[in-house]
Amino acid sequence: MRLVTFRSETSSASRPGAIVDLESGPHVADLVGIRSIEWLIGAGSHALSVCRDLVANTHARTMTPLAAVQLLAPITRPNSIRDFIAFEDH
């Protein structure tokens, strides 16, 4: 399971999802109920387990083909950005 943030052709809103390899090719399962990939990471291993169950119980016909979505940066709002200017000599 590969976690992604994506936008579908029918919506301008970004959504967390998971890429799932099906017989017909890679598809994206919308992680309904998950706020964001950042939230999922911060929520810990139990939330990731719930996410796996969610994907496992998603019917293939409700998934969107990977070619029909726009992949976005998975972490849309990092908690901090480091430029490492203070560590130039290392």
N, C-alpha and C. Protein backbone atom coordinates (compact mmCIF):
# COMPACT_ATOMS: atom_id res chain seq x y z
N MET A 1 0.85 -1.17 0.00
CA MET A 1 0.00 0.00 0.00
C MET A 1 0.90 1.24 0.00
N ARG A 2 0.67 2.10 -0.98
CA ARG A 2 1.43 3.34 -1.08
C ARG A 2 0.48 4.50 -0.84
N LEU A 3 0.77 5.31 0.15
CA LEU A 3 -0.10 6.43 0.52
C LEU A 3 0.18 7.61 -0.40
N VAL A 4 -0.89 8.28 -0.81
CA VAL A 4 -0.79 9.42 -1.72
C VAL A 4 -1.81 10.48 -1.33
N THR A 5 -1.58 11.68 -1.81
CA THR A 5 -2.60 12.72 -1.81
C THR A 5 -2.92 12.94 -3.27
N PHE A 6 -4.20 13.00 -3.60
CA PHE A 6 -4.58 13.08 -5.00
C PHE A 6 -5.77 14.00 -5.21
N ARG A 7 -5.97 14.35 -6.46
CA ARG A 7 -7.14 15.12 -6.87
C ARG A 7 -7.74 14.37 -8.06
N SER A 8 -9.05 14.14 -8.02
CA SER A 8 -9.70 13.43 -9.12
C SER A 8 -10.13 14.40 -10.21
N GLU A 9 -10.48 13.85 -11.35
CA GLU A 9 -10.92 14.68 -12.47
C GLU A 9 -12.25 15.38 -12.18
N THR A 10 -13.02 14.83 -11.25
CA THR A 10 -14.35 15.37 -10.96
C THR A 10 -14.40 16.31 -9.77
N SER A 11 -13.25 16.49 -9.08
CA SER A 11 -13.26 17.34 -7.88
C SER A 11 -11.95 18.12 -7.79
N SER A 12 -12.04 19.34 -7.31
CA SER A 12 -10.83 20.15 -7.14
C SER A 12 -10.22 19.96 -5.75
N ALA A 13 -10.91 19.24 -4.87
CA ALA A 13 -10.41 19.04 -3.51
C ALA A 13 -9.35 17.93 -3.49
N SER A 14 -8.31 18.13 -2.69
CA SER A 14 -7.30 17.08 -2.54
C SER A 14 -7.78 16.09 -1.48
N ARG A 15 -7.45 14.81 -1.69
CA ARG A 15 -7.90 13.74 -0.81
C ARG A 15 -6.75 12.79 -0.51
N PRO A 16 -6.71 12.22 0.69
CA PRO A 16 -5.73 11.17 0.95
C PRO A 16 -6.21 9.86 0.32
N GLY A 17 -5.27 9.10 -0.17
CA GLY A 17 -5.62 7.83 -0.79
C GLY A 17 -4.49 6.84 -0.68
N ALA A 18 -4.73 5.66 -1.25
CA ALA A 18 -3.73 4.60 -1.28
C ALA A 18 -3.73 3.98 -2.67
N ILE A 19 -2.55 3.79 -3.22
CA ILE A 19 -2.45 3.12 -4.52
C ILE A 19 -2.51 1.62 -4.27
N VAL A 20 -3.40 0.98 -5.02
CA VAL A 20 -3.62 -0.45 -4.89
C VAL A 20 -3.40 -1.08 -6.26
N ASP A 21 -2.62 -2.14 -6.32
CA ASP A 21 -2.38 -2.83 -7.58
C ASP A 21 -3.47 -3.88 -7.79
N LEU A 22 -4.29 -3.66 -8.81
CA LEU A 22 -5.34 -4.61 -9.18
C LEU A 22 -4.95 -5.30 -10.48
N GLU A 23 -5.68 -6.34 -10.85
CA GLU A 23 -5.42 -7.04 -12.10
C GLU A 23 -5.52 -6.09 -13.29
N SER A 24 -6.40 -5.12 -13.21
CA SER A 24 -6.61 -4.18 -14.31
C SER A 24 -5.64 -3.00 -14.28
N GLY A 25 -4.70 -3.01 -13.34
CA GLY A 25 -3.71 -1.94 -13.24
C GLY A 25 -3.84 -1.20 -11.92
N PRO A 26 -2.95 -0.23 -11.68
CA PRO A 26 -2.98 0.50 -10.42
C PRO A 26 -4.20 1.41 -10.31
N HIS A 27 -4.80 1.41 -9.14
CA HIS A 27 -5.96 2.24 -8.84
C HIS A 27 -5.71 2.98 -7.53
N VAL A 28 -6.49 4.04 -7.30
CA VAL A 28 -6.40 4.79 -6.05
C VAL A 28 -7.68 4.57 -5.25
N ALA A 29 -7.50 4.14 -4.02
CA ALA A 29 -8.62 4.00 -3.09
C ALA A 29 -8.69 5.27 -2.26
N ASP A 30 -9.84 5.92 -2.27
CA ASP A 30 -10.05 7.12 -1.46
C ASP A 30 -10.13 6.71 0.01
N LEU A 31 -9.33 7.32 0.84
CA LEU A 31 -9.34 7.00 2.27
C LEU A 31 -10.40 7.84 2.98
N VAL A 32 -11.62 7.45 2.80
CA VAL A 32 -12.76 8.16 3.39
C VAL A 32 -12.65 8.11 4.91
N GLY A 33 -12.78 9.26 5.53
CA GLY A 33 -12.69 9.35 6.98
C GLY A 33 -11.30 9.71 7.49
N ILE A 34 -10.30 9.66 6.61
CA ILE A 34 -8.94 10.06 6.98
C ILE A 34 -8.76 11.51 6.53
N ARG A 35 -8.39 12.38 7.44
CA ARG A 35 -8.30 13.82 7.12
C ARG A 35 -7.19 14.14 6.13
N SER A 36 -6.01 13.57 6.36
CA SER A 36 -4.85 13.86 5.51
C SER A 36 -3.77 12.83 5.79
N ILE A 37 -2.79 12.78 4.93
CA ILE A 37 -1.66 11.88 5.16
C ILE A 37 -0.89 12.33 6.40
N GLU A 38 -0.78 13.65 6.62
CA GLU A 38 -0.11 14.15 7.82
C GLU A 38 -0.81 13.66 9.08
N TRP A 39 -2.13 13.72 9.07
CA TRP A 39 -2.90 13.26 10.22
C TRP A 39 -2.67 11.76 10.44
N LEU A 40 -2.68 11.01 9.36
CA LEU A 40 -2.49 9.56 9.45
C LEU A 40 -1.13 9.22 10.06
N ILE A 41 -0.09 9.89 9.62
CA ILE A 41 1.26 9.65 10.15
C ILE A 41 1.31 10.03 11.64
N GLY A 42 0.73 11.16 11.98
CA GLY A 42 0.74 11.61 13.37
C GLY A 42 -0.10 10.76 14.30
N ALA A 43 -1.09 10.07 13.76
CA ALA A 43 -1.99 9.26 14.58
C ALA A 43 -1.37 7.93 14.99
N GLY A 44 -0.28 7.53 14.36
CA GLY A 44 0.43 6.34 14.79
C GLY A 44 0.03 5.05 14.12
N SER A 45 0.57 3.96 14.67
CA SER A 45 0.43 2.65 14.03
C SER A 45 -1.01 2.13 14.03
N HIS A 46 -1.79 2.46 15.06
CA HIS A 46 -3.18 2.00 15.07
C HIS A 46 -3.96 2.60 13.90
N ALA A 47 -3.74 3.89 13.64
CA ALA A 47 -4.43 4.54 12.52
C ALA A 47 -4.01 3.93 11.19
N LEU A 48 -2.75 3.56 11.06
CA LEU A 48 -2.28 2.91 9.84
C LEU A 48 -2.94 1.54 9.66
N SER A 49 -3.13 0.83 10.76
CA SER A 49 -3.82 -0.46 10.72
C SER A 49 -5.27 -0.28 10.27
N VAL A 50 -5.93 0.76 10.79
CA VAL A 50 -7.31 1.07 10.37
C VAL A 50 -7.33 1.41 8.89
N CYS A 51 -6.33 2.14 8.43
CA CYS A 51 -6.21 2.50 7.02
C CYS A 51 -6.08 1.25 6.15
N ARG A 52 -5.25 0.31 6.56
CA ARG A 52 -5.10 -0.96 5.82
C ARG A 52 -6.43 -1.70 5.73
N ASP A 53 -7.16 -1.75 6.83
CA ASP A 53 -8.47 -2.41 6.83
C ASP A 53 -9.44 -1.70 5.90
N LEU A 54 -9.40 -0.37 5.91
CA LEU A 54 -10.27 0.42 5.04
C LEU A 54 -10.00 0.09 3.58
N VAL A 55 -8.74 0.04 3.21
CA VAL A 55 -8.38 -0.28 1.82
C VAL A 55 -8.78 -1.71 1.48
N ALA A 56 -8.54 -2.64 2.38
CA ALA A 56 -8.88 -4.05 2.14
C ALA A 56 -10.37 -4.25 1.94
N ASN A 57 -11.19 -3.40 2.55
CA ASN A 57 -12.64 -3.54 2.45
C ASN A 57 -13.27 -2.63 1.40
N THR A 58 -12.43 -1.96 0.60
CA THR A 58 -12.93 -1.09 -0.46
C THR A 58 -13.10 -1.92 -1.73
N HIS A 59 -14.27 -1.88 -2.33
CA HIS A 59 -14.52 -2.63 -3.57
C HIS A 59 -13.75 -2.00 -4.72
N ALA A 60 -13.21 -2.84 -5.56
CA ALA A 60 -12.41 -2.37 -6.70
C ALA A 60 -13.20 -1.43 -7.59
N ARG A 61 -14.50 -1.64 -7.72
CA ARG A 61 -15.29 -0.79 -8.62
C ARG A 61 -15.45 0.64 -8.11
N THR A 62 -15.15 0.87 -6.83
CA THR A 62 -15.24 2.23 -6.29
C THR A 62 -13.89 2.95 -6.32
N MET A 63 -12.85 2.22 -6.73
CA MET A 63 -11.52 2.84 -6.83
C MET A 63 -11.38 3.54 -8.18
N THR A 64 -10.50 4.52 -8.22
CA THR A 64 -10.28 5.30 -9.43
C THR A 64 -8.96 4.86 -10.08
N PRO A 65 -8.95 4.64 -11.39
CA PRO A 65 -7.69 4.29 -12.04
C PRO A 65 -6.64 5.38 -11.80
N LEU A 66 -5.43 4.96 -11.59
CA LEU A 66 -4.35 5.90 -11.30
C LEU A 66 -4.20 6.94 -12.41
N ALA A 67 -4.42 6.53 -13.65
CA ALA A 67 -4.29 7.45 -14.78
C ALA A 67 -5.34 8.56 -14.76
N ALA A 68 -6.41 8.39 -13.98
CA ALA A 68 -7.51 9.36 -13.95
C ALA A 68 -7.40 10.34 -12.79
N VAL A 69 -6.29 10.29 -12.05
CA VAL A 69 -6.12 11.22 -10.92
C VAL A 69 -4.83 12.00 -11.10
N GLN A 70 -4.76 13.13 -10.41
CA GLN A 70 -3.54 13.92 -10.36
C GLN A 70 -2.91 13.69 -9.00
N LEU A 71 -1.69 13.16 -8.98
CA LEU A 71 -1.00 12.95 -7.72
C LEU A 71 -0.40 14.26 -7.26
N LEU A 72 -0.54 14.53 -5.97
CA LEU A 72 -0.02 15.75 -5.35
C LEU A 72 1.06 15.36 -4.35
N ALA A 73 1.73 16.33 -3.79
CA ALA A 73 2.70 16.05 -2.74
C ALA A 73 1.98 15.37 -1.58
N PRO A 74 2.48 14.21 -1.12
CA PRO A 74 1.76 13.50 -0.06
C PRO A 74 1.66 14.30 1.23
N ILE A 75 2.71 15.02 1.57
CA ILE A 75 2.71 15.87 2.77
C ILE A 75 2.49 17.29 2.28
N THR A 76 1.26 17.78 2.39
CA THR A 76 0.91 19.07 1.82
C THR A 76 1.34 20.25 2.68
N ARG A 77 1.39 20.05 4.00
CA ARG A 77 1.78 21.13 4.91
C ARG A 77 2.73 20.59 5.97
N PRO A 78 4.03 20.55 5.66
CA PRO A 78 4.98 20.02 6.64
C PRO A 78 4.98 20.87 7.91
N ASN A 79 5.24 20.23 9.04
CA ASN A 79 5.28 20.95 10.31
C ASN A 79 6.40 21.97 10.36
N SER A 80 7.51 21.65 9.70
CA SER A 80 8.63 22.59 9.65
C SER A 80 9.42 22.33 8.38
N ILE A 81 10.14 23.37 7.97
CA ILE A 81 11.00 23.27 6.80
C ILE A 81 12.39 23.69 7.26
N ARG A 82 13.35 22.87 7.02
CA ARG A 82 14.72 23.15 7.45
C ARG A 82 15.58 23.43 6.22
N ASP A 83 16.34 24.51 6.28
CA ASP A 83 17.20 24.83 5.13
C ASP A 83 18.65 24.44 5.40
N PHE A 84 18.99 24.06 6.61
CA PHE A 84 20.31 23.59 6.99
C PHE A 84 21.43 24.60 6.71
N ILE A 85 21.10 25.88 6.62
CA ILE A 85 22.10 26.92 6.41
C ILE A 85 23.08 26.97 7.59
N ALA A 86 22.61 26.63 8.77
CA ALA A 86 23.48 26.67 9.95
C ALA A 86 24.49 25.52 9.95
N PHE A 87 24.33 24.56 9.06
CA PHE A 87 25.19 23.37 9.05
C PHE A 87 25.99 23.26 7.76
N GLU A 88 26.31 24.37 7.13
CA GLU A 88 27.03 24.36 5.86
C GLU A 88 28.36 23.61 5.92
N ASP A 89 29.06 23.72 7.04
CA ASP A 89 30.41 23.13 7.14
C ASP A 89 30.41 21.63 7.44
N HIS A 90 29.29 21.03 7.59
CA HIS A 90 29.25 19.61 7.93
C HIS A 90 29.20 18.75 6.71
